[in-house]
Amino acid sequence: MANITYQVNQTINDWSVIGHYMKLVEEEPTIDRKIATTNIMKDLELVKQL
C-alpha cells in the first residue's frame, strides 16, 4: 500500500514539474528548452533547501 501511495505522489510531483516547465515556456515564448531546463533545475534546488 505504501508503494502505491509513493507512486501516486511521485506521479503528482512529475506532473508538477512538467506543468512548471510548460508555464515557463508559456510565460516567455522566446525561452528555449535549455534555458527553461536550467531555470527548473534552479527552482528544484531552491525547493530542496526548504
N, C-alpha and C. Protein backbone atom coordinates (compact mmCIF):
# COMPACT_ATOMS: atom_id res chain seq x y z
N MET A 1 0.82 -1.20 0.00
CA MET A 1 0.00 0.00 0.00
C MET A 1 0.87 1.26 0.00
N ALA A 2 1.92 1.25 0.81
CA ALA A 2 2.80 2.42 0.87
C ALA A 2 3.45 2.68 -0.49
N ASN A 3 3.78 1.59 -1.20
CA ASN A 3 4.40 1.75 -2.51
C ASN A 3 3.45 2.42 -3.50
N ILE A 4 2.17 2.06 -3.44
CA ILE A 4 1.18 2.68 -4.33
C ILE A 4 1.05 4.17 -4.00
N THR A 5 1.02 4.50 -2.71
CA THR A 5 0.94 5.90 -2.30
C THR A 5 2.15 6.66 -2.81
N TYR A 6 3.33 6.06 -2.68
CA TYR A 6 4.55 6.71 -3.18
C TYR A 6 4.45 6.95 -4.68
N GLN A 7 4.00 5.95 -5.42
CA GLN A 7 3.90 6.08 -6.87
C GLN A 7 2.93 7.18 -7.26
N VAL A 8 1.81 7.27 -6.57
CA VAL A 8 0.83 8.32 -6.86
C VAL A 8 1.43 9.69 -6.56
N ASN A 9 2.08 9.81 -5.40
CA ASN A 9 2.71 11.09 -5.05
C ASN A 9 3.81 11.45 -6.03
N GLN A 10 4.59 10.47 -6.47
CA GLN A 10 5.66 10.73 -7.43
C GLN A 10 5.08 11.18 -8.76
N THR A 11 3.97 10.57 -9.18
CA THR A 11 3.32 10.97 -10.43
C THR A 11 2.85 12.41 -10.34
N ILE A 12 2.27 12.77 -9.19
CA ILE A 12 1.83 14.16 -8.99
C ILE A 12 3.02 15.09 -9.06
N ASN A 13 4.12 14.73 -8.42
CA ASN A 13 5.33 15.56 -8.46
C ASN A 13 5.85 15.69 -9.87
N ASP A 14 5.86 14.59 -10.62
CA ASP A 14 6.32 14.64 -12.01
C ASP A 14 5.47 15.59 -12.83
N TRP A 15 4.15 15.53 -12.67
CA TRP A 15 3.26 16.41 -13.42
C TRP A 15 3.46 17.85 -12.99
N SER A 16 3.76 18.09 -11.71
CA SER A 16 4.01 19.45 -11.24
C SER A 16 5.24 20.03 -11.93
N VAL A 17 6.27 19.22 -12.08
CA VAL A 17 7.49 19.69 -12.76
C VAL A 17 7.19 19.97 -14.23
N ILE A 18 6.44 19.07 -14.86
CA ILE A 18 6.08 19.29 -16.27
C ILE A 18 5.23 20.55 -16.40
N GLY A 19 4.29 20.73 -15.48
CA GLY A 19 3.45 21.93 -15.51
C GLY A 19 4.27 23.19 -15.32
N HIS A 20 5.24 23.14 -14.43
CA HIS A 20 6.12 24.29 -14.20
C HIS A 20 6.93 24.60 -15.46
N TYR A 21 7.42 23.57 -16.11
CA TYR A 21 8.19 23.73 -17.35
C TYR A 21 7.32 24.40 -18.41
N MET A 22 6.09 23.89 -18.57
CA MET A 22 5.19 24.45 -19.57
C MET A 22 4.86 25.91 -19.25
N LYS A 23 4.69 26.21 -17.96
CA LYS A 23 4.39 27.58 -17.55
C LYS A 23 5.54 28.51 -17.90
N LEU A 24 6.77 28.06 -17.66
CA LEU A 24 7.94 28.88 -18.01
C LEU A 24 7.96 29.18 -19.50
N VAL A 25 7.69 28.17 -20.31
CA VAL A 25 7.74 28.34 -21.76
C VAL A 25 6.59 29.25 -22.23
N GLU A 26 5.41 29.11 -21.61
CA GLU A 26 4.27 29.95 -21.99
C GLU A 26 4.48 31.40 -21.59
N GLU A 27 5.07 31.62 -20.41
CA GLU A 27 5.28 32.99 -19.93
C GLU A 27 6.34 33.71 -20.76
N GLU A 28 7.31 32.98 -21.23
CA GLU A 28 8.38 33.57 -22.02
C GLU A 28 8.52 32.78 -23.31
N PRO A 29 7.73 33.15 -24.34
CA PRO A 29 7.75 32.37 -25.59
C PRO A 29 9.12 32.29 -26.25
N THR A 30 9.98 33.25 -25.96
CA THR A 30 11.30 33.25 -26.59
C THR A 30 12.28 32.33 -25.87
N ILE A 31 11.87 31.81 -24.71
CA ILE A 31 12.76 30.94 -23.94
C ILE A 31 12.94 29.62 -24.69
N ASP A 32 14.13 29.10 -24.68
CA ASP A 32 14.34 27.81 -25.34
C ASP A 32 14.41 26.71 -24.28
N ARG A 33 14.44 25.48 -24.74
CA ARG A 33 14.41 24.34 -23.81
C ARG A 33 15.57 24.35 -22.84
N LYS A 34 16.75 24.70 -23.32
CA LYS A 34 17.94 24.67 -22.46
C LYS A 34 17.79 25.66 -21.31
N ILE A 35 17.34 26.86 -21.61
CA ILE A 35 17.17 27.88 -20.57
C ILE A 35 16.04 27.47 -19.62
N ALA A 36 14.94 26.96 -20.16
CA ALA A 36 13.82 26.53 -19.31
C ALA A 36 14.27 25.41 -18.38
N THR A 37 15.04 24.46 -18.90
CA THR A 37 15.53 23.36 -18.08
C THR A 37 16.45 23.88 -16.98
N THR A 38 17.31 24.82 -17.31
CA THR A 38 18.20 25.42 -16.32
C THR A 38 17.39 26.11 -15.23
N ASN A 39 16.36 26.85 -15.63
CA ASN A 39 15.51 27.53 -14.65
C ASN A 39 14.81 26.54 -13.73
N ILE A 40 14.33 25.45 -14.30
CA ILE A 40 13.66 24.42 -13.49
C ILE A 40 14.63 23.81 -12.50
N MET A 41 15.84 23.52 -12.94
CA MET A 41 16.84 22.92 -12.05
C MET A 41 17.14 23.87 -10.89
N LYS A 42 17.24 25.16 -11.17
CA LYS A 42 17.47 26.15 -10.11
C LYS A 42 16.30 26.16 -9.13
N ASP A 43 15.07 26.14 -9.67
CA ASP A 43 13.89 26.13 -8.81
C ASP A 43 13.83 24.88 -7.95
N LEU A 44 14.17 23.73 -8.53
CA LEU A 44 14.15 22.48 -7.77
C LEU A 44 15.19 22.50 -6.65
N GLU A 45 16.35 23.09 -6.91
CA GLU A 45 17.37 23.21 -5.87
C GLU A 45 16.87 24.08 -4.72
N LEU A 46 16.15 25.15 -5.05
CA LEU A 46 15.60 26.01 -4.00
C LEU A 46 14.56 25.26 -3.17
N VAL A 47 13.73 24.46 -3.83
CA VAL A 47 12.71 23.69 -3.12
C VAL A 47 13.36 22.67 -2.20
N LYS A 48 14.43 22.02 -2.66
CA LYS A 48 15.11 21.02 -1.83
C LYS A 48 15.70 21.65 -0.58
N GLN A 49 16.05 22.93 -0.64
CA GLN A 49 16.65 23.60 0.51
C GLN A 49 15.62 23.96 1.57
N LEU A 50 14.34 23.96 1.21
CA LEU A 50 13.29 24.34 2.18
C LEU A 50 13.10 23.31 3.24
